[in-house]
């Protein structure tokens, strides 16, 4: 029983200590940064305190907690709020040519990291800095957009160029406030109906003029293209003609060379043939001369042979061999064919009886 009592006293003591501890601490949530002022000692502590538990002892510590997430300032016709966003009516700007322009836009910004204590020191506690952010934004936007003519609001590239210049100028204004500009979003632009109608008609007329100009330029480009094509075709024809002319010249030169080569060939052939004929003639003459000499030598030998005994019979034999007798009739009254000696005498042969 005594142990249970001690246990209960311990639990109660721990609870009281926890409550007392919670009472002398502060919890900084994620997305928040705290700045503490140490009363009675150093005053504003030049440091940022991120998420977690920090000492906060009664009148000794005074804490200011800031939302360091991205904040949004809306200027639009539909003023429905969302979270902690600032919302007000659209920004009214007078254009360079005197028209009232209603601009729906959003400006996103946040406190610079590590500079929350400086914002607290220069701008004061709480959301006071947001009023200055709004005033600086309106001033910069009206100055920048006021340099545009009404038709410039319809030109995307012109709006983007102006938006970039506004971001640069507005960031310079935000630097002393220790605030970083995230972006400027222009959502919608409107004029009064009559003026907007005139502007649209003017813009459409300008666009139509530009369209006609582009069509004219396109037609000129087509004409130039056709001219280039025609010139190219002419150049191609000239090149083809030059090529044909060159080929004809080359063919003529080649034919001339071929004819010259053929003439040289024929000349060489004729010369060779002439030399051959001359050589043949010489050889034939030599052969005839040799033949004549052989015949002369033969006659000489023949005559020598006929000078010996019995040569007459040999001559008669040769004559008999050379005779080609057909059918012939012999008169038995002229000589006796049976008489061999008589027959021999008729043939011119000498016999022993008529020697």
Protein backbone atom coordinates (compact mmCIF):
# COMPACT_ATOMS: atom_id res chain seq x y z
CA UNK A 1 0.00 0.00 0.00
CA UNK A 2 2.81 2.32 0.87
CA UNK A 3 4.54 1.47 -2.44
CA UNK A 4 1.42 2.34 -4.44
CA UNK A 5 1.23 5.68 -2.70
CA UNK A 6 4.85 6.44 -3.54
CA UNK A 7 4.22 5.45 -7.16
CA UNK A 8 1.21 7.76 -7.44
CA UNK A 9 3.14 10.63 -5.89
CA UNK A 10 5.92 10.06 -8.43
CA UNK A 11 3.47 10.11 -11.36
CA UNK A 12 1.88 13.30 -10.14
CA UNK A 13 5.27 14.90 -9.61
CA UNK A 14 6.33 14.00 -13.16
CA UNK A 15 3.09 15.41 -14.56
CA UNK A 16 3.54 18.66 -12.65
CA UNK A 17 7.14 18.91 -13.83
CA UNK A 18 6.05 18.25 -17.44
CA UNK A 19 3.40 20.96 -17.22
CA UNK A 20 5.85 23.39 -15.69
CA UNK A 21 8.44 22.49 -18.34
CA UNK A 22 5.90 23.05 -21.10
CA UNK A 23 5.01 26.39 -19.59
CA UNK A 24 8.62 27.56 -19.77
CA UNK A 25 9.27 26.29 -23.37
CA UNK A 26 7.94 27.17 -26.79
CA UNK A 27 7.48 24.80 -29.74
CA UNK A 28 8.45 26.00 -33.22
CA UNK A 29 6.60 24.00 -35.91
CA UNK A 30 8.07 22.93 -39.29
CA UNK A 31 7.82 25.81 -41.76
CA UNK A 32 8.26 28.36 -38.96
CA UNK A 33 11.19 30.30 -37.54
CA UNK A 34 11.23 31.94 -34.12
CA UNK A 35 12.97 35.13 -33.02
CA UNK A 36 13.47 35.71 -29.28
CA UNK A 37 13.92 38.92 -27.34
CA UNK A 38 15.74 38.36 -24.04
CA UNK A 39 14.23 40.97 -21.74
CA UNK A 40 16.40 42.34 -18.92
CA UNK A 41 19.57 41.00 -20.66
CA UNK A 42 20.76 41.24 -24.33
CA UNK A 43 17.47 42.24 -25.91
CA UNK A 44 16.83 40.94 -29.47
CA UNK A 45 18.89 37.81 -30.07
CA UNK A 46 20.45 37.97 -33.56
CA UNK A 47 19.68 34.40 -34.52
CA UNK A 48 16.90 32.33 -36.10
CA UNK A 49 15.40 29.40 -34.21
CA UNK A 50 14.06 26.61 -36.37
CA UNK A 51 11.57 23.82 -35.56
CA UNK A 52 11.84 22.33 -32.05
CA UNK A 53 11.40 23.27 -28.34
CA UNK A 54 13.08 26.40 -26.95
CA UNK A 55 13.18 28.06 -23.53
CA UNK A 56 10.51 30.67 -22.92
CA UNK A 57 10.64 31.71 -19.29
CA UNK A 58 7.87 34.14 -18.47
CA UNK A 59 8.71 37.80 -18.85
CA UNK A 60 12.36 37.00 -19.51
CA UNK A 61 11.71 35.78 -23.09
CA UNK A 62 9.42 37.20 -25.73
CA UNK A 63 9.03 35.12 -28.88
CA UNK A 64 7.87 36.16 -32.38
CA UNK A 65 7.12 33.28 -34.73
CA UNK A 66 7.15 33.78 -38.52
CA UNK A 67 5.78 31.62 -41.34
CA UNK A 68 8.76 31.00 -43.66
CA UNK A 69 6.84 29.09 -46.33
CA UNK A 70 5.97 30.74 -49.67
CA UNK A 71 3.40 33.50 -49.21
CA UNK A 72 0.98 34.70 -51.92
CA UNK A 73 -0.49 38.11 -52.62
CA UNK A 74 -3.49 37.85 -54.96
CA UNK A 75 -4.89 40.82 -56.88
CA UNK A 76 -7.97 39.54 -58.71
CA UNK A 77 -11.66 40.00 -59.33
CA UNK A 78 -12.61 36.78 -57.56
CA UNK A 79 -11.52 37.49 -54.00
CA UNK A 80 -12.03 33.99 -52.57
CA UNK A 81 -9.30 33.31 -50.03
CA UNK A 82 -7.12 30.24 -49.67
CA UNK A 83 -5.24 29.62 -46.39
CA UNK A 84 -3.11 32.57 -45.29
CA UNK A 85 -2.99 34.17 -48.74
CA UNK A 86 -3.53 37.90 -49.04
CA UNK A 87 -6.36 38.74 -51.43
CA UNK A 88 -7.56 42.08 -52.78
CA UNK A 89 -9.16 43.44 -55.95
CA UNK A 90 -7.44 43.51 -59.36
CA UNK A 91 -4.61 45.93 -59.97
CA UNK A 92 -5.83 48.94 -61.97
CA UNK A 93 -3.17 50.35 -64.27
CA UNK A 94 -3.34 53.29 -66.69
CA UNK A 95 -1.64 52.35 -69.94
CA UNK A 96 0.71 54.60 -71.83
CA UNK A 97 -2.09 55.70 -74.17
CA UNK A 98 -4.48 56.48 -71.28
CA UNK A 99 -6.61 53.33 -71.03
CA UNK A 100 -7.58 51.76 -67.69
CA UNK A 101 -6.38 48.18 -67.56
CA UNK A 102 -7.52 45.65 -64.96
CA UNK A 103 -4.78 43.12 -64.22
CA UNK A 104 -5.40 39.89 -62.31
CA UNK A 105 -2.10 38.65 -60.90
CA UNK A 106 -0.41 36.81 -58.06
CA UNK A 107 2.87 37.60 -56.34
CA UNK A 108 4.67 34.79 -54.53
CA UNK A 109 7.40 35.55 -51.98
CA UNK A 110 8.96 34.30 -48.75
CA UNK A 111 11.26 35.49 -45.99
CA UNK A 112 14.92 34.89 -46.79
CA UNK A 113 16.55 32.02 -44.92
CA UNK A 114 18.72 33.16 -42.01
CA UNK A 115 17.36 36.73 -42.09
CA UNK A 116 14.18 36.38 -40.03
CA UNK A 117 15.72 38.12 -37.03
CA UNK A 118 16.78 40.99 -39.33
CA UNK A 119 13.20 41.31 -40.65
CA UNK A 120 11.98 41.39 -37.01
CA UNK A 121 14.50 44.07 -36.21
CA UNK A 122 13.76 46.31 -39.23
CA UNK A 123 10.05 45.73 -39.82
CA UNK A 124 8.71 44.86 -36.39
CA UNK A 125 6.84 41.86 -35.09
CA UNK A 126 4.12 39.85 -36.81
CA UNK A 127 2.90 40.41 -40.39
CA UNK A 128 3.70 44.07 -40.58
CA UNK A 129 6.22 43.39 -43.34
CA UNK A 130 3.41 42.06 -45.59
CA UNK A 131 1.89 45.55 -45.87
CA UNK A 132 5.21 46.86 -47.15
CA UNK A 133 5.51 43.93 -49.55
CA UNK A 134 2.07 44.80 -50.93
CA UNK A 135 2.85 48.54 -51.27
CA UNK A 136 6.19 47.96 -52.97
CA UNK A 137 4.58 45.46 -55.36
CA UNK A 138 1.78 47.81 -56.40
CA UNK A 139 4.21 50.67 -56.95
CA UNK A 140 6.60 48.62 -59.13
CA UNK A 141 3.81 46.94 -61.14
CA UNK A 142 2.01 50.19 -61.93
CA UNK A 143 5.25 51.80 -63.07
CA UNK A 144 6.24 48.88 -65.30
CA UNK A 145 2.82 48.13 -66.79
CA UNK A 146 2.16 51.84 -67.28
CA UNK A 147 4.90 51.94 -69.93
CA UNK A 148 2.91 49.61 -72.19
CA UNK A 149 0.46 50.61 -74.89
CA UNK A 150 -2.88 48.86 -74.76
CA UNK A 151 -2.07 46.59 -77.70
CA UNK A 152 1.15 45.53 -75.94
CA UNK A 153 -0.94 43.73 -73.33
CA UNK A 154 -2.05 41.30 -76.07
CA UNK A 155 1.50 40.51 -77.12
CA UNK A 156 2.83 37.54 -75.21
CA UNK A 157 6.49 38.33 -75.80
CA UNK A 158 6.01 41.95 -74.70
CA UNK A 159 4.17 40.87 -71.54
CA UNK A 160 6.91 38.36 -70.75
CA UNK A 161 9.62 40.95 -71.28
CA UNK A 162 7.79 43.38 -68.97
CA UNK A 163 7.26 40.63 -66.38
CA UNK A 164 11.00 39.89 -66.33
CA UNK A 165 11.83 43.56 -65.81
CA UNK A 166 9.19 43.79 -63.02
CA UNK A 167 10.71 40.81 -61.21
CA UNK A 168 14.16 42.41 -61.30
CA UNK A 169 12.88 45.78 -60.05
CA UNK A 170 10.66 44.24 -57.36
CA UNK A 171 13.47 42.06 -56.00
CA UNK A 172 15.55 45.20 -55.51
CA UNK A 173 12.66 46.64 -53.47
CA UNK A 174 12.30 43.42 -51.44
CA UNK A 175 15.99 43.14 -50.48
CA UNK A 176 15.81 45.74 -47.67
CA UNK A 177 12.73 43.90 -46.38
CA UNK A 178 14.72 40.62 -46.21
CA UNK A 179 12.17 39.02 -48.53
CA UNK A 180 12.82 36.90 -51.60
CA UNK A 181 10.56 37.21 -54.66
CA UNK A 182 9.54 33.80 -56.02
CA UNK A 183 7.48 34.80 -59.07
CA UNK A 184 4.94 37.18 -60.58
CA UNK A 185 2.03 35.47 -62.32
CA UNK A 186 -0.17 37.59 -64.61
CA UNK A 187 -3.42 35.65 -64.90
CA UNK A 188 -5.76 37.94 -66.83
CA UNK A 189 -5.99 41.41 -68.40
CA UNK A 190 -9.22 43.25 -69.20
CA UNK A 191 -10.43 46.68 -70.42
CA UNK A 192 -13.85 48.27 -70.53
CA UNK A 193 -15.92 46.58 -73.22
CA UNK A 194 -16.02 49.44 -75.77
CA UNK A 195 -12.31 50.14 -75.43
CA UNK A 196 -11.47 46.45 -75.51
CA UNK A 197 -13.48 46.08 -78.72
CA UNK A 198 -11.55 48.92 -80.34
CA UNK A 199 -8.28 47.43 -79.19
CA UNK A 200 -9.17 44.01 -80.55
CA UNK A 201 -10.19 45.54 -83.87
CA UNK A 202 -6.91 47.45 -84.02
CA UNK A 203 -4.92 44.38 -83.10
CA UNK A 204 -6.78 42.31 -85.68
CA UNK A 205 -6.18 44.99 -88.31
CA UNK A 206 -2.50 45.04 -87.43
CA UNK A 207 -2.34 41.28 -87.58
CA UNK A 208 -4.12 41.29 -90.92
CA UNK A 209 -1.58 43.81 -92.25
CA UNK A 210 1.23 41.63 -90.94
CA UNK A 211 -0.44 38.58 -92.49
CA UNK A 212 -0.71 40.31 -95.86
CA UNK A 213 2.88 41.41 -95.56
CA UNK A 214 3.97 37.86 -94.81
CA UNK A 215 1.90 36.58 -97.74
CA UNK A 216 3.56 39.16 -99.97
CA UNK A 217 6.97 38.15 -98.70
CA UNK A 218 6.05 34.51 -99.28
CA UNK A 219 4.97 35.32 -102.86
CA UNK A 220 8.23 37.21 -103.41
CA UNK A 221 10.11 34.29 -101.97
CA UNK A 222 8.27 31.94 -104.33
CA UNK A 223 9.13 34.25 -107.24
CA UNK A 224 12.74 34.31 -106.15
CA UNK A 225 12.67 30.54 -105.83
CA UNK A 226 11.26 30.20 -109.34
CA UNK A 227 13.91 32.61 -110.64
CA UNK A 228 16.63 30.59 -108.96
CA UNK A 229 15.16 27.39 -110.38
CA UNK A 230 15.05 28.92 -113.87
CA UNK A 231 18.64 30.16 -113.56
CA UNK A 232 19.67 26.77 -112.28
CA UNK A 233 17.96 25.03 -115.23
CA UNK A 234 19.69 27.43 -117.64
CA UNK A 235 23.03 26.76 -116.01
CA UNK A 236 22.40 23.03 -116.22
CA UNK A 237 21.61 23.34 -119.94
CA UNK A 238 24.77 25.39 -120.50
CA UNK A 239 26.80 22.81 -118.63
CA UNK A 240 25.19 20.02 -120.66
CA UNK A 241 25.97 21.87 -123.90
CA UNK A 242 29.55 22.48 -122.82
CA UNK A 243 29.82 18.84 -121.92
CA UNK A 244 28.48 17.76 -125.32
CA UNK A 245 30.83 20.21 -127.05
CA UNK A 246 33.77 18.89 -125.06
CA UNK A 247 32.79 15.29 -125.85
CA UNK A 248 32.51 16.11 -129.57
CA UNK A 249 35.93 17.79 -129.50
CA UNK A 250 37.44 14.86 -127.64
CA UNK A 251 35.81 12.37 -130.04
CA UNK A 252 37.14 14.35 -133.03
CA UNK A 253 40.63 14.40 -131.55
CA UNK A 254 40.39 10.72 -130.74
CA UNK A 255 39.20 9.92 -134.28
CA UNK A 256 42.04 12.02 -135.68
CA UNK A 257 44.51 10.15 -133.51
CA UNK A 258 43.00 6.82 -134.51
CA UNK A 259 43.18 7.75 -138.20
CA UNK A 260 46.79 8.83 -137.78
CA UNK A 261 47.59 5.55 -136.03
CA UNK A 262 45.77 3.58 -138.76
CA UNK A 263 47.67 5.52 -141.46
CA UNK A 264 50.96 4.79 -139.72
CA UNK A 265 49.93 1.16 -139.41
CA UNK A 266 48.97 0.88 -143.07
CA UNK A 267 52.19 2.63 -144.09
CA UNK A 268 54.18 0.24 -141.95
CA UNK A 269 52.27 -2.73 -143.42
CA UNK A 270 52.82 -1.48 -146.98
CA UNK A 271 56.47 -0.88 -146.25
CA UNK A 272 56.80 -4.32 -144.74
CA UNK A 273 54.89 -5.84 -147.64
CA UNK A 274 57.05 -3.95 -150.15
CA UNK A 275 60.17 -5.10 -148.40
CA UNK A 276 58.78 -8.62 -148.44
CA UNK A 277 57.94 -8.45 -152.12
CA UNK A 278 61.42 -7.11 -152.86
CA UNK A 279 62.95 -9.86 -150.79
CA UNK A 280 60.76 -12.45 -152.57
CA UNK A 281 61.69 -11.03 -155.95
CA UNK A 282 65.35 -11.15 -155.05
CA UNK A 283 65.05 -14.72 -153.85
CA UNK A 284 63.04 -15.70 -156.93
CA UNK A 285 65.69 -14.11 -159.16
CA UNK A 286 68.36 -15.94 -157.27
CA UNK A 287 66.36 -19.15 -157.63
CA UNK A 288 65.84 -18.64 -161.35
CA UNK A 289 69.51 -17.87 -161.75
CA UNK A 290 70.39 -21.02 -159.86
CA UNK A 291 67.84 -22.97 -161.90
CA UNK A 292 69.25 -21.64 -165.16
CA UNK A 293 72.72 -22.45 -163.97
CA UNK A 294 71.58 -25.95 -163.03
CA UNK A 295 69.95 -26.38 -166.45
CA UNK A 296 73.11 -25.15 -168.14
CA UNK A 297 75.16 -27.53 -166.09
CA UNK A 298 72.68 -30.29 -166.97
CA UNK A 299 72.97 -29.54 -170.66
CA UNK A 300 76.70 -29.54 -170.38
CA UNK A 301 76.63 -32.88 -168.64
CA UNK A 302 74.07 -34.17 -171.17
CA UNK A 303 76.24 -33.13 -174.03
CA UNK A 304 79.21 -34.81 -172.40
CA UNK A 305 77.14 -37.93 -171.87
CA UNK A 306 76.00 -38.01 -175.49
CA UNK A 307 79.53 -37.88 -176.67
CA UNK A 308 80.30 -41.35 -175.28
CA UNK A 309 79.51 -44.73 -177.01
CA UNK A 310 75.90 -45.85 -176.74
CA UNK A 311 74.60 -42.36 -176.08
CA UNK A 312 72.43 -42.47 -179.18
CA UNK A 313 70.56 -45.45 -177.82
CA UNK A 314 69.98 -43.63 -174.54
CA UNK A 315 68.58 -40.60 -176.37
CA UNK A 316 66.32 -42.77 -178.42
CA UNK A 317 65.11 -44.51 -175.24
CA UNK A 318 64.30 -41.20 -173.63
CA UNK A 319 62.45 -40.06 -176.71
CA UNK A 320 60.50 -43.31 -176.75
CA UNK A 321 59.52 -42.80 -173.10
CA UNK A 322 58.36 -39.28 -173.81
CA UNK A 323 56.17 -40.35 -176.67
CA UNK A 324 52.50 -40.64 -175.91
CA UNK A 325 51.10 -42.68 -178.72
CA UNK A 326 47.42 -43.21 -179.14
CA UNK A 327 45.86 -45.39 -181.77
CA UNK A 328 48.11 -45.40 -184.81
CA UNK A 329 48.27 -47.29 -188.08
CA UNK A 330 51.53 -48.46 -189.59
CA UNK A 331 51.94 -49.19 -193.25
CA UNK A 332 53.65 -52.49 -193.79
CA UNK A 333 54.55 -51.33 -197.23
CA UNK A 334 56.99 -48.72 -195.88
CA UNK A 335 58.86 -51.07 -193.60
CA UNK A 336 58.60 -54.43 -192.08
CA UNK A 337 57.57 -54.12 -188.48
CA UNK A 338 58.87 -57.57 -187.77
CA UNK A 339 62.34 -56.52 -188.80
CA UNK A 340 63.72 -55.19 -185.51
CA UNK A 341 66.79 -53.69 -187.08
CA UNK A 342 64.66 -51.79 -189.55
CA UNK A 343 62.46 -50.49 -186.81
CA UNK A 344 65.48 -49.34 -184.84
CA UNK A 345 66.84 -47.56 -187.83
CA UNK A 346 63.54 -45.76 -188.27
CA UNK A 347 63.84 -44.66 -184.67
CA UNK A 348 67.32 -43.35 -185.31
CA UNK A 349 69.17 -46.06 -183.46
CA UNK A 350 72.34 -47.53 -184.77
CA UNK A 351 72.63 -51.24 -185.06
CA UNK A 352 75.65 -53.36 -185.58
CA UNK A 353 74.82 -53.72 -189.30
CA UNK A 354 74.53 -49.97 -190.06
CA UNK A 355 77.32 -48.58 -187.89
